[in-house]
């Protein structure tokens, strides 16, 4: 894959973004519930 390192690097970057965004989903659940539904904070809503 070395001759195609730019596209291969783009593919790896995309995978890194997908992997990094995976824990972001449950991480957003905590302020969503605590801030919007429990505290009813307009900022979080």
ModelCIF file with pLDDT and N, C-alpha, C, O atoms, coordinates in Angstrom:
data_MODEL
#
_entry.id   MODEL 
#
_entity.id                         1 
_entity.type                       polymer 
_entity.pdbx_number_of_molecules   1 
#
_entity_poly.entity_id                      1 
_entity_poly.type                           'polypeptide(L)' 
_entity_poly.nstd_linkage                   no 
_entity_poly.nstd_monomer                   no 
_entity_poly.pdbx_seq_one_letter_code       
;(UNK)(UNK)(UNK)(UNK)(UNK)(UNK)(UNK)(UNK)(UNK)(UNK)(UNK)(UNK)(UNK)(UNK)(UNK)(UNK)
(UNK)(UNK)(UNK)(UNK)(UNK)(UNK)(UNK)(UNK)(UNK)(UNK)(UNK)(UNK)(UNK)(UNK)(UNK)(UNK)
(UNK)(UNK)(UNK)(UNK)(UNK)(UNK)(UNK)(UNK)(UNK)(UNK)(UNK)(UNK)(UNK)
;
_entity_poly.pdbx_seq_one_letter_code_can   XXXXXXXXXXXXXXXXXXXXXXXXXXXXXXXXXXXXXXXXXXXXX 
_entity_poly.pdbx_strand_id                 A 
#
loop_
_entity_poly_seq.entity_id 
_entity_poly_seq.num 
_entity_poly_seq.mon_id 
_entity_poly_seq.hetero 
1 1  UNK n 
1 2  UNK n 
1 3  UNK n 
1 4  UNK n 
1 5  UNK n 
1 6  UNK n 
1 7  UNK n 
1 8  UNK n 
1 9  UNK n 
1 10 UNK n 
1 11 UNK n 
1 12 UNK n 
1 13 UNK n 
1 14 UNK n 
1 15 UNK n 
1 16 UNK n 
1 17 UNK n 
1 18 UNK n 
1 19 UNK n 
1 20 UNK n 
1 21 UNK n 
1 22 UNK n 
1 23 UNK n 
1 24 UNK n 
1 25 UNK n 
1 26 UNK n 
1 27 UNK n 
1 28 UNK n 
1 29 UNK n 
1 30 UNK n 
1 31 UNK n 
1 32 UNK n 
1 33 UNK n 
1 34 UNK n 
1 35 UNK n 
1 36 UNK n 
1 37 UNK n 
1 38 UNK n 
1 39 UNK n 
1 40 UNK n 
1 41 UNK n 
1 42 UNK n 
1 43 UNK n 
1 44 UNK n 
1 45 UNK n 
#
_struct_asym.id          A 
_struct_asym.entity_id   1 
#
loop_
_ma_qa_metric.id 
_ma_qa_metric.mode 
_ma_qa_metric.name 
_ma_qa_metric.software_group_id 
_ma_qa_metric.type 
1 global pLDDT . pLDDT 
2 local  pLDDT . pLDDT 
#
_ma_qa_metric_global.metric_id      1 
_ma_qa_metric_global.metric_value   73.69 
_ma_qa_metric_global.model_id       1 
_ma_qa_metric_global.ordinal_id     1 
#
loop_
_ma_qa_metric_local.label_asym_id 
_ma_qa_metric_local.label_comp_id 
_ma_qa_metric_local.label_seq_id 
_ma_qa_metric_local.metric_id 
_ma_qa_metric_local.metric_value 
_ma_qa_metric_local.model_id 
_ma_qa_metric_local.ordinal_id 
A UNK 1  2 85.00 1 1  
A UNK 2  2 87.00 1 2  
A UNK 3  2 90.00 1 3  
A UNK 4  2 89.00 1 4  
A UNK 5  2 87.00 1 5  
A UNK 6  2 90.00 1 6  
A UNK 7  2 89.00 1 7  
A UNK 8  2 86.00 1 8  
A UNK 9  2 88.00 1 9  
A UNK 10 2 89.00 1 10 
A UNK 11 2 87.00 1 11 
A UNK 12 2 85.00 1 12 
A UNK 13 2 88.00 1 13 
A UNK 14 2 86.00 1 14 
A UNK 15 2 84.00 1 15 
A UNK 16 2 84.00 1 16 
A UNK 17 2 86.00 1 17 
A UNK 18 2 82.00 1 18 
A UNK 19 2 79.00 1 19 
A UNK 20 2 80.00 1 20 
A UNK 21 2 79.00 1 21 
A UNK 22 2 77.00 1 22 
A UNK 23 2 76.00 1 23 
A UNK 24 2 75.00 1 24 
A UNK 25 2 74.00 1 25 
A UNK 26 2 73.00 1 26 
A UNK 27 2 70.00 1 27 
A UNK 28 2 71.00 1 28 
A UNK 29 2 68.00 1 29 
A UNK 30 2 66.00 1 30 
A UNK 31 2 66.00 1 31 
A UNK 32 2 64.00 1 32 
A UNK 33 2 62.00 1 33 
A UNK 34 2 60.00 1 34 
A UNK 35 2 55.00 1 35 
A UNK 36 2 53.00 1 36 
A UNK 37 2 52.00 1 37 
A UNK 38 2 51.00 1 38 
A UNK 39 2 49.00 1 39 
A UNK 40 2 58.00 1 40 
A UNK 41 2 56.00 1 41 
A UNK 42 2 64.00 1 42 
A UNK 43 2 59.00 1 43 
A UNK 44 2 58.00 1 44 
A UNK 45 2 59.00 1 45 
#
loop_
_atom_site.group_PDB 
_atom_site.id 
_atom_site.type_symbol 
_atom_site.label_atom_id 
_atom_site.label_alt_id 
_atom_site.label_comp_id 
_atom_site.label_asym_id 
_atom_site.label_entity_id 
_atom_site.label_seq_id 
_atom_site.pdbx_PDB_ins_code 
_atom_site.Cartn_x 
_atom_site.Cartn_y 
_atom_site.Cartn_z 
_atom_site.occupancy 
_atom_site.B_iso_or_equiv 
_atom_site.pdbx_formal_charge 
_atom_site.auth_seq_id 
_atom_site.auth_comp_id 
_atom_site.auth_asym_id 
_atom_site.auth_atom_id 
_atom_site.pdbx_PDB_model_num 
ATOM 1   N N  . UNK A 1 1  ? 0.828   -1.214 0.000  1.00 85.00 ? 1  UNK A N  1 
ATOM 2   C CA . UNK A 1 1  ? 0.000   0.000  0.000  1.00 85.00 ? 1  UNK A CA 1 
ATOM 3   C C  . UNK A 1 1  ? 0.861   1.263  0.000  1.00 85.00 ? 1  UNK A C  1 
ATOM 4   O O  . UNK A 1 1  ? 0.336   2.372  -0.102 1.00 85.00 ? 1  UNK A O  1 
ATOM 5   N N  . UNK A 1 2  ? 2.180   1.099  0.114  1.00 87.00 ? 2  UNK A N  1 
ATOM 6   C CA . UNK A 1 2  ? 3.063   2.267  0.248  1.00 87.00 ? 2  UNK A CA 1 
ATOM 7   C C  . UNK A 1 2  ? 2.951   3.237  -0.935 1.00 87.00 ? 2  UNK A C  1 
ATOM 8   O O  . UNK A 1 2  ? 2.944   4.447  -0.713 1.00 87.00 ? 2  UNK A O  1 
ATOM 9   N N  . UNK A 1 3  ? 2.861   2.754  -2.190 1.00 90.00 ? 3  UNK A N  1 
ATOM 10  C CA . UNK A 1 3  ? 2.722   3.724  -3.297 1.00 90.00 ? 3  UNK A CA 1 
ATOM 11  C C  . UNK A 1 3  ? 1.433   4.534  -3.238 1.00 90.00 ? 3  UNK A C  1 
ATOM 12  O O  . UNK A 1 3  ? 1.309   5.560  -3.907 1.00 90.00 ? 3  UNK A O  1 
ATOM 13  N N  . UNK A 1 4  ? 0.483   4.077  -2.443 1.00 89.00 ? 4  UNK A N  1 
ATOM 14  C CA . UNK A 1 4  ? -0.815  4.753  -2.369 1.00 89.00 ? 4  UNK A CA 1 
ATOM 15  C C  . UNK A 1 4  ? -1.032  5.287  -0.958 1.00 89.00 ? 4  UNK A C  1 
ATOM 16  O O  . UNK A 1 4  ? -2.140  5.245  -0.421 1.00 89.00 ? 4  UNK A O  1 
ATOM 17  N N  . UNK A 1 5  ? 0.050   5.790  -0.371 1.00 87.00 ? 5  UNK A N  1 
ATOM 18  C CA . UNK A 1 5  ? 0.008   6.180  1.047  1.00 87.00 ? 5  UNK A CA 1 
ATOM 19  C C  . UNK A 1 5  ? -0.973  7.315  1.319  1.00 87.00 ? 5  UNK A C  1 
ATOM 20  O O  . UNK A 1 5  ? -1.548  7.375  2.406  1.00 87.00 ? 5  UNK A O  1 
ATOM 21  N N  . UNK A 1 6  ? -1.178  8.219  0.359  1.00 90.00 ? 6  UNK A N  1 
ATOM 22  C CA . UNK A 1 6  ? -2.088  9.341  0.605  1.00 90.00 ? 6  UNK A CA 1 
ATOM 23  C C  . UNK A 1 6  ? -3.522  8.854  0.770  1.00 90.00 ? 6  UNK A C  1 
ATOM 24  O O  . UNK A 1 6  ? -4.212  9.223  1.721  1.00 90.00 ? 6  UNK A O  1 
ATOM 25  N N  . UNK A 1 7  ? -3.963  8.010  -0.181 1.00 89.00 ? 7  UNK A N  1 
ATOM 26  C CA . UNK A 1 7  ? -5.328  7.493  -0.061 1.00 89.00 ? 7  UNK A CA 1 
ATOM 27  C C  . UNK A 1 7  ? -5.450  6.545  1.127  1.00 89.00 ? 7  UNK A C  1 
ATOM 28  O O  . UNK A 1 7  ? -6.475  6.519  1.807  1.00 89.00 ? 7  UNK A O  1 
ATOM 29  N N  . UNK A 1 8  ? -4.403  5.772  1.369  1.00 86.00 ? 8  UNK A N  1 
ATOM 30  C CA . UNK A 1 8  ? -4.425  4.862  2.522  1.00 86.00 ? 8  UNK A CA 1 
ATOM 31  C C  . UNK A 1 8  ? -4.486  5.667  3.817  1.00 86.00 ? 8  UNK A C  1 
ATOM 32  O O  . UNK A 1 8  ? -5.187  5.297  4.759  1.00 86.00 ? 8  UNK A O  1 
ATOM 33  N N  . UNK A 1 9  ? -3.739  6.776  3.850  1.00 88.00 ? 9  UNK A N  1 
ATOM 34  C CA . UNK A 1 9  ? -3.789  7.649  5.021  1.00 88.00 ? 9  UNK A CA 1 
ATOM 35  C C  . UNK A 1 9  ? -5.165  8.267  5.205  1.00 88.00 ? 9  UNK A C  1 
ATOM 36  O O  . UNK A 1 9  ? -5.633  8.423  6.333  1.00 88.00 ? 9  UNK A O  1 
ATOM 37  N N  . UNK A 1 10 ? -5.824  8.623  4.086  1.00 89.00 ? 10 UNK A N  1 
ATOM 38  C CA . UNK A 1 10 ? -7.181  9.158  4.160  1.00 89.00 ? 10 UNK A CA 1 
ATOM 39  C C  . UNK A 1 10 ? -8.138  8.114  4.733  1.00 89.00 ? 10 UNK A C  1 
ATOM 40  O O  . UNK A 1 10 ? -9.004  8.433  5.547  1.00 89.00 ? 10 UNK A O  1 
ATOM 41  N N  . UNK A 1 11 ? -7.971  6.859  4.299  1.00 87.00 ? 11 UNK A N  1 
ATOM 42  C CA . UNK A 1 11 ? -8.822  5.785  4.817  1.00 87.00 ? 11 UNK A CA 1 
ATOM 43  C C  . UNK A 1 11 ? -8.606  5.591  6.312  1.00 87.00 ? 11 UNK A C  1 
ATOM 44  O O  . UNK A 1 11 ? -9.564  5.419  7.066  1.00 87.00 ? 11 UNK A O  1 
ATOM 45  N N  . UNK A 1 12 ? -7.339  5.619  6.740  1.00 85.00 ? 12 UNK A N  1 
ATOM 46  C CA . UNK A 1 12 ? -7.049  5.466  8.170  1.00 85.00 ? 12 UNK A CA 1 
ATOM 47  C C  . UNK A 1 12 ? -7.595  6.643  8.972  1.00 85.00 ? 12 UNK A C  1 
ATOM 48  O O  . UNK A 1 12 ? -8.096  6.468  10.083 1.00 85.00 ? 12 UNK A O  1 
ATOM 49  N N  . UNK A 1 13 ? -7.495  7.845  8.402  1.00 88.00 ? 13 UNK A N  1 
ATOM 50  C CA . UNK A 1 13 ? -8.026  9.027  9.097  1.00 88.00 ? 13 UNK A CA 1 
ATOM 51  C C  . UNK A 1 13 ? -9.536  8.900  9.283  1.00 88.00 ? 13 UNK A C  1 
ATOM 52  O O  . UNK A 1 13 ? -10.067 9.204  10.351 1.00 88.00 ? 13 UNK A O  1 
ATOM 53  N N  . UNK A 1 14 ? -10.221 8.449  8.233  1.00 86.00 ? 14 UNK A N  1 
ATOM 54  C CA . UNK A 1 14 ? -11.662 8.253  8.340  1.00 86.00 ? 14 UNK A CA 1 
ATOM 55  C C  . UNK A 1 14 ? -12.013 7.228  9.405  1.00 86.00 ? 14 UNK A C  1 
ATOM 56  O O  . UNK A 1 14 ? -12.975 7.401  10.154 1.00 86.00 ? 14 UNK A O  1 
ATOM 57  N N  . UNK A 1 15 ? -11.217 6.147  9.469  1.00 84.00 ? 15 UNK A N  1 
ATOM 58  C CA . UNK A 1 15 ? -11.466 5.122  10.490 1.00 84.00 ? 15 UNK A CA 1 
ATOM 59  C C  . UNK A 1 15 ? -11.221 5.672  11.889 1.00 84.00 ? 15 UNK A C  1 
ATOM 60  O O  . UNK A 1 15 ? -11.942 5.340  12.830 1.00 84.00 ? 15 UNK A O  1 
ATOM 61  N N  . UNK A 1 16 ? -10.203 6.513  12.021 1.00 84.00 ? 16 UNK A N  1 
ATOM 62  C CA . UNK A 1 16 ? -9.911  7.117  13.328 1.00 84.00 ? 16 UNK A CA 1 
ATOM 63  C C  . UNK A 1 16 ? -11.058 8.026  13.772 1.00 84.00 ? 16 UNK A C  1 
ATOM 64  O O  . UNK A 1 16 ? -11.442 8.029  14.941 1.00 84.00 ? 16 UNK A O  1 
ATOM 65  N N  . UNK A 1 17 ? -11.600 8.795  12.824 1.00 86.00 ? 17 UNK A N  1 
ATOM 66  C CA . UNK A 1 17 ? -12.727 9.680  13.156 1.00 86.00 ? 17 UNK A CA 1 
ATOM 67  C C  . UNK A 1 17 ? -13.938 8.856  13.576 1.00 86.00 ? 17 UNK A C  1 
ATOM 68  O O  . UNK A 1 17 ? -14.611 9.186  14.552 1.00 86.00 ? 17 UNK A O  1 
ATOM 69  N N  . UNK A 1 18 ? -14.218 7.770  12.829 1.00 82.00 ? 18 UNK A N  1 
ATOM 70  C CA . UNK A 1 18 ? -15.341 6.911  13.187 1.00 82.00 ? 18 UNK A CA 1 
ATOM 71  C C  . UNK A 1 18 ? -15.145 6.300  14.563 1.00 82.00 ? 18 UNK A C  1 
ATOM 72  O O  . UNK A 1 18 ? -16.070 6.256  15.374 1.00 82.00 ? 18 UNK A O  1 
ATOM 73  N N  . UNK A 1 19 ? -13.918 5.824  14.819 1.00 79.00 ? 19 UNK A N  1 
ATOM 74  C CA . UNK A 1 19 ? -13.643 5.202  16.111 1.00 79.00 ? 19 UNK A CA 1 
ATOM 75  C C  . UNK A 1 19 ? -13.752 6.221  17.250 1.00 79.00 ? 19 UNK A C  1 
ATOM 76  O O  . UNK A 1 19 ? -14.267 5.913  18.324 1.00 79.00 ? 19 UNK A O  1 
ATOM 77  N N  . UNK A 1 20 ? -13.257 7.443  16.999 1.00 80.00 ? 20 UNK A N  1 
ATOM 78  C CA . UNK A 1 20 ? -13.303 8.474  18.046 1.00 80.00 ? 20 UNK A CA 1 
ATOM 79  C C  . UNK A 1 20 ? -14.738 8.923  18.322 1.00 80.00 ? 20 UNK A C  1 
ATOM 80  O O  . UNK A 1 20 ? -15.076 9.301  19.444 1.00 80.00 ? 20 UNK A O  1 
ATOM 81  N N  . UNK A 1 21 ? -15.582 8.877  17.277 1.00 79.00 ? 21 UNK A N  1 
ATOM 82  C CA . UNK A 1 21 ? -16.960 9.327  17.468 1.00 79.00 ? 21 UNK A CA 1 
ATOM 83  C C  . UNK A 1 21 ? -17.830 8.278  18.151 1.00 79.00 ? 21 UNK A C  1 
ATOM 84  O O  . UNK A 1 21 ? -18.937 8.581  18.597 1.00 79.00 ? 21 UNK A O  1 
ATOM 85  N N  . UNK A 1 22 ? -17.328 7.038  18.235 1.00 77.00 ? 22 UNK A N  1 
ATOM 86  C CA . UNK A 1 22 ? -18.127 5.977  18.858 1.00 77.00 ? 22 UNK A CA 1 
ATOM 87  C C  . UNK A 1 22 ? -18.386 6.261  20.338 1.00 77.00 ? 22 UNK A C  1 
ATOM 88  O O  . UNK A 1 22 ? -19.543 6.242  20.757 1.00 77.00 ? 22 UNK A O  1 
ATOM 89  N N  . UNK A 1 23 ? -17.349 6.526  21.149 1.00 76.00 ? 23 UNK A N  1 
ATOM 90  C CA . UNK A 1 23 ? -17.630 6.845  22.560 1.00 76.00 ? 23 UNK A CA 1 
ATOM 91  C C  . UNK A 1 23 ? -18.271 8.215  22.748 1.00 76.00 ? 23 UNK A C  1 
ATOM 92  O O  . UNK A 1 23 ? -18.773 8.524  23.828 1.00 76.00 ? 23 UNK A O  1 
ATOM 93  N N  . UNK A 1 24 ? -18.255 9.043  21.691 1.00 75.00 ? 24 UNK A N  1 
ATOM 94  C CA . UNK A 1 24 ? -18.888 10.358 21.816 1.00 75.00 ? 24 UNK A CA 1 
ATOM 95  C C  . UNK A 1 24 ? -20.404 10.229 21.949 1.00 75.00 ? 24 UNK A C  1 
ATOM 96  O O  . UNK A 1 24 ? -21.054 11.095 22.533 1.00 75.00 ? 24 UNK A O  1 
ATOM 97  N N  . UNK A 1 25 ? -20.968 9.142  21.403 1.00 74.00 ? 25 UNK A N  1 
ATOM 98  C CA . UNK A 1 25 ? -22.421 8.954  21.476 1.00 74.00 ? 25 UNK A CA 1 
ATOM 99  C C  . UNK A 1 25 ? -22.877 8.755  22.926 1.00 74.00 ? 25 UNK A C  1 
ATOM 100 O O  . UNK A 1 25 ? -23.752 9.491  23.382 1.00 74.00 ? 25 UNK A O  1 
ATOM 101 N N  . UNK A 1 26 ? -22.314 7.778  23.677 1.00 73.00 ? 26 UNK A N  1 
ATOM 102 C CA . UNK A 1 26 ? -22.728 7.669  25.086 1.00 73.00 ? 26 UNK A CA 1 
ATOM 103 C C  . UNK A 1 26 ? -22.273 8.871  25.914 1.00 73.00 ? 26 UNK A C  1 
ATOM 104 O O  . UNK A 1 26 ? -22.889 9.201  26.928 1.00 73.00 ? 26 UNK A O  1 
ATOM 105 N N  . UNK A 1 27 ? -21.183 9.529  25.474 1.00 70.00 ? 27 UNK A N  1 
ATOM 106 C CA . UNK A 1 27 ? -20.727 10.712 26.219 1.00 70.00 ? 27 UNK A CA 1 
ATOM 107 C C  . UNK A 1 27 ? -21.748 11.844 26.121 1.00 70.00 ? 27 UNK A C  1 
ATOM 108 O O  . UNK A 1 27 ? -21.888 12.632 27.056 1.00 70.00 ? 27 UNK A O  1 
ATOM 109 N N  . UNK A 1 28 ? -22.469 11.931 24.984 1.00 71.00 ? 28 UNK A N  1 
ATOM 110 C CA . UNK A 1 28 ? -23.488 12.972 24.841 1.00 71.00 ? 28 UNK A CA 1 
ATOM 111 C C  . UNK A 1 28 ? -24.771 12.623 25.590 1.00 71.00 ? 28 UNK A C  1 
ATOM 112 O O  . UNK A 1 28 ? -25.568 13.501 25.921 1.00 71.00 ? 28 UNK A O  1 
ATOM 113 N N  . UNK A 1 29 ? -24.962 11.320 25.855 1.00 68.00 ? 29 UNK A N  1 
ATOM 114 C CA . UNK A 1 29 ? -26.189 10.897 26.547 1.00 68.00 ? 29 UNK A CA 1 
ATOM 115 C C  . UNK A 1 29 ? -26.237 11.466 27.963 1.00 68.00 ? 29 UNK A C  1 
ATOM 116 O O  . UNK A 1 29 ? -27.301 11.859 28.440 1.00 68.00 ? 29 UNK A O  1 
ATOM 117 N N  . UNK A 1 30 ? -25.080 11.508 28.636 1.00 66.00 ? 30 UNK A N  1 
ATOM 118 C CA . UNK A 1 30 ? -25.051 11.979 30.032 1.00 66.00 ? 30 UNK A CA 1 
ATOM 119 C C  . UNK A 1 30 ? -25.521 13.436 30.151 1.00 66.00 ? 30 UNK A C  1 
ATOM 120 O O  . UNK A 1 30 ? -26.437 13.694 30.932 1.00 66.00 ? 30 UNK A O  1 
ATOM 121 N N  . UNK A 1 31 ? -24.944 14.408 29.418 1.00 66.00 ? 31 UNK A N  1 
ATOM 122 C CA . UNK A 1 31 ? -25.470 15.778 29.539 1.00 66.00 ? 31 UNK A CA 1 
ATOM 123 C C  . UNK A 1 31 ? -26.871 15.923 28.947 1.00 66.00 ? 31 UNK A C  1 
ATOM 124 O O  . UNK A 1 31 ? -27.640 16.785 29.370 1.00 66.00 ? 31 UNK A O  1 
ATOM 125 N N  . UNK A 1 32 ? -27.207 15.067 27.952 1.00 64.00 ? 32 UNK A N  1 
ATOM 126 C CA . UNK A 1 32 ? -28.546 15.136 27.371 1.00 64.00 ? 32 UNK A CA 1 
ATOM 127 C C  . UNK A 1 32 ? -29.612 14.841 28.421 1.00 64.00 ? 32 UNK A C  1 
ATOM 128 O O  . UNK A 1 32 ? -30.604 15.562 28.524 1.00 64.00 ? 32 UNK A O  1 
ATOM 129 N N  . UNK A 1 33 ? -29.406 13.780 29.200 1.00 62.00 ? 33 UNK A N  1 
ATOM 130 C CA . UNK A 1 33 ? -30.384 13.403 30.215 1.00 62.00 ? 33 UNK A CA 1 
ATOM 131 C C  . UNK A 1 33 ? -30.294 14.299 31.448 1.00 62.00 ? 33 UNK A C  1 
ATOM 132 O O  . UNK A 1 33 ? -31.303 14.820 31.924 1.00 62.00 ? 33 UNK A O  1 
ATOM 133 N N  . UNK A 1 34 ? -29.050 14.476 31.969 1.00 60.00 ? 34 UNK A N  1 
ATOM 134 C CA . UNK A 1 34 ? -28.892 15.251 33.205 1.00 60.00 ? 34 UNK A CA 1 
ATOM 135 C C  . UNK A 1 34 ? -29.210 16.734 32.994 1.00 60.00 ? 34 UNK A C  1 
ATOM 136 O O  . UNK A 1 34 ? -29.818 17.374 33.851 1.00 60.00 ? 34 UNK A O  1 
ATOM 137 N N  . UNK A 1 35 ? -28.788 17.277 31.830 1.00 55.00 ? 35 UNK A N  1 
ATOM 138 C CA . UNK A 1 35 ? -28.985 18.716 31.611 1.00 55.00 ? 35 UNK A CA 1 
ATOM 139 C C  . UNK A 1 35 ? -30.354 19.052 31.049 1.00 55.00 ? 35 UNK A C  1 
ATOM 140 O O  . UNK A 1 35 ? -30.969 20.036 31.460 1.00 55.00 ? 35 UNK A O  1 
ATOM 141 N N  . UNK A 1 36 ? -30.842 18.237 30.102 1.00 53.00 ? 36 UNK A N  1 
ATOM 142 C CA . UNK A 1 36 ? -32.101 18.572 29.429 1.00 53.00 ? 36 UNK A CA 1 
ATOM 143 C C  . UNK A 1 36 ? -33.323 18.074 30.184 1.00 53.00 ? 36 UNK A C  1 
ATOM 144 O O  . UNK A 1 36 ? -34.277 18.825 30.388 1.00 53.00 ? 36 UNK A O  1 
ATOM 145 N N  . UNK A 1 37 ? -33.301 16.788 30.609 1.00 52.00 ? 37 UNK A N  1 
ATOM 146 C CA . UNK A 1 37 ? -34.493 16.189 31.194 1.00 52.00 ? 37 UNK A CA 1 
ATOM 147 C C  . UNK A 1 37 ? -34.552 16.313 32.715 1.00 52.00 ? 37 UNK A C  1 
ATOM 148 O O  . UNK A 1 37 ? -35.628 16.484 33.287 1.00 52.00 ? 37 UNK A O  1 
ATOM 149 N N  . UNK A 1 38 ? -33.389 16.226 33.369 1.00 51.00 ? 38 UNK A N  1 
ATOM 150 C CA . UNK A 1 38 ? -33.388 16.300 34.847 1.00 51.00 ? 38 UNK A CA 1 
ATOM 151 C C  . UNK A 1 38 ? -33.312 17.764 35.286 1.00 51.00 ? 38 UNK A C  1 
ATOM 152 O O  . UNK A 1 38 ? -34.204 18.242 35.986 1.00 51.00 ? 38 UNK A O  1 
ATOM 153 N N  . UNK A 1 39 ? -32.261 18.479 34.885 1.00 49.00 ? 39 UNK A N  1 
ATOM 154 C CA . UNK A 1 39 ? -32.079 19.881 35.301 1.00 49.00 ? 39 UNK A CA 1 
ATOM 155 C C  . UNK A 1 39 ? -32.910 20.842 34.459 1.00 49.00 ? 39 UNK A C  1 
ATOM 156 O O  . UNK A 1 39 ? -33.154 21.973 34.877 1.00 49.00 ? 39 UNK A O  1 
ATOM 157 N N  . UNK A 1 40 ? -33.351 20.404 33.268 1.00 58.00 ? 40 UNK A N  1 
ATOM 158 C CA . UNK A 1 40 ? -34.145 21.229 32.359 1.00 58.00 ? 40 UNK A CA 1 
ATOM 159 C C  . UNK A 1 40 ? -33.448 22.556 32.043 1.00 58.00 ? 40 UNK A C  1 
ATOM 160 O O  . UNK A 1 40 ? -34.058 23.626 32.050 1.00 58.00 ? 40 UNK A O  1 
ATOM 161 N N  . UNK A 1 41 ? -32.165 22.442 31.770 1.00 56.00 ? 41 UNK A N  1 
ATOM 162 C CA . UNK A 1 41 ? -31.338 23.611 31.464 1.00 56.00 ? 41 UNK A CA 1 
ATOM 163 C C  . UNK A 1 41 ? -31.580 24.011 30.004 1.00 56.00 ? 41 UNK A C  1 
ATOM 164 O O  . UNK A 1 41 ? -31.346 23.191 29.117 1.00 56.00 ? 41 UNK A O  1 
ATOM 165 N N  . UNK A 1 42 ? -32.047 25.257 29.713 1.00 64.00 ? 42 UNK A N  1 
ATOM 166 C CA . UNK A 1 42 ? -32.315 25.688 28.332 1.00 64.00 ? 42 UNK A CA 1 
ATOM 167 C C  . UNK A 1 42 ? -31.082 25.593 27.431 1.00 64.00 ? 42 UNK A C  1 
ATOM 168 O O  . UNK A 1 42 ? -31.195 25.313 26.238 1.00 64.00 ? 42 UNK A O  1 
ATOM 169 N N  . UNK A 1 43 ? -29.898 25.830 28.018 1.00 59.00 ? 43 UNK A N  1 
ATOM 170 C CA . UNK A 1 43 ? -28.670 25.776 27.226 1.00 59.00 ? 43 UNK A CA 1 
ATOM 171 C C  . UNK A 1 43 ? -28.477 24.383 26.624 1.00 59.00 ? 43 UNK A C  1 
ATOM 172 O O  . UNK A 1 43 ? -28.195 24.251 25.433 1.00 59.00 ? 43 UNK A O  1 
ATOM 173 N N  . UNK A 1 44 ? -28.631 23.348 27.450 1.00 58.00 ? 44 UNK A N  1 
ATOM 174 C CA . UNK A 1 44 ? -28.462 21.980 26.965 1.00 58.00 ? 44 UNK A CA 1 
ATOM 175 C C  . UNK A 1 44 ? -29.587 21.577 26.011 1.00 58.00 ? 44 UNK A C  1 
ATOM 176 O O  . UNK A 1 44 ? -29.366 20.821 25.064 1.00 58.00 ? 44 UNK A O  1 
ATOM 177 N N  . UNK A 1 45 ? -30.795 22.086 26.266 1.00 59.00 ? 45 UNK A N  1 
ATOM 178 C CA . UNK A 1 45 ? -31.929 21.763 25.393 1.00 59.00 ? 45 UNK A CA 1 
ATOM 179 C C  . UNK A 1 45 ? -31.674 22.282 23.975 1.00 59.00 ? 45 UNK A C  1 
ATOM 180 O O  . UNK A 1 45 ? -32.515 22.107 23.093 1.00 59.00 ? 45 UNK A O  1 
#
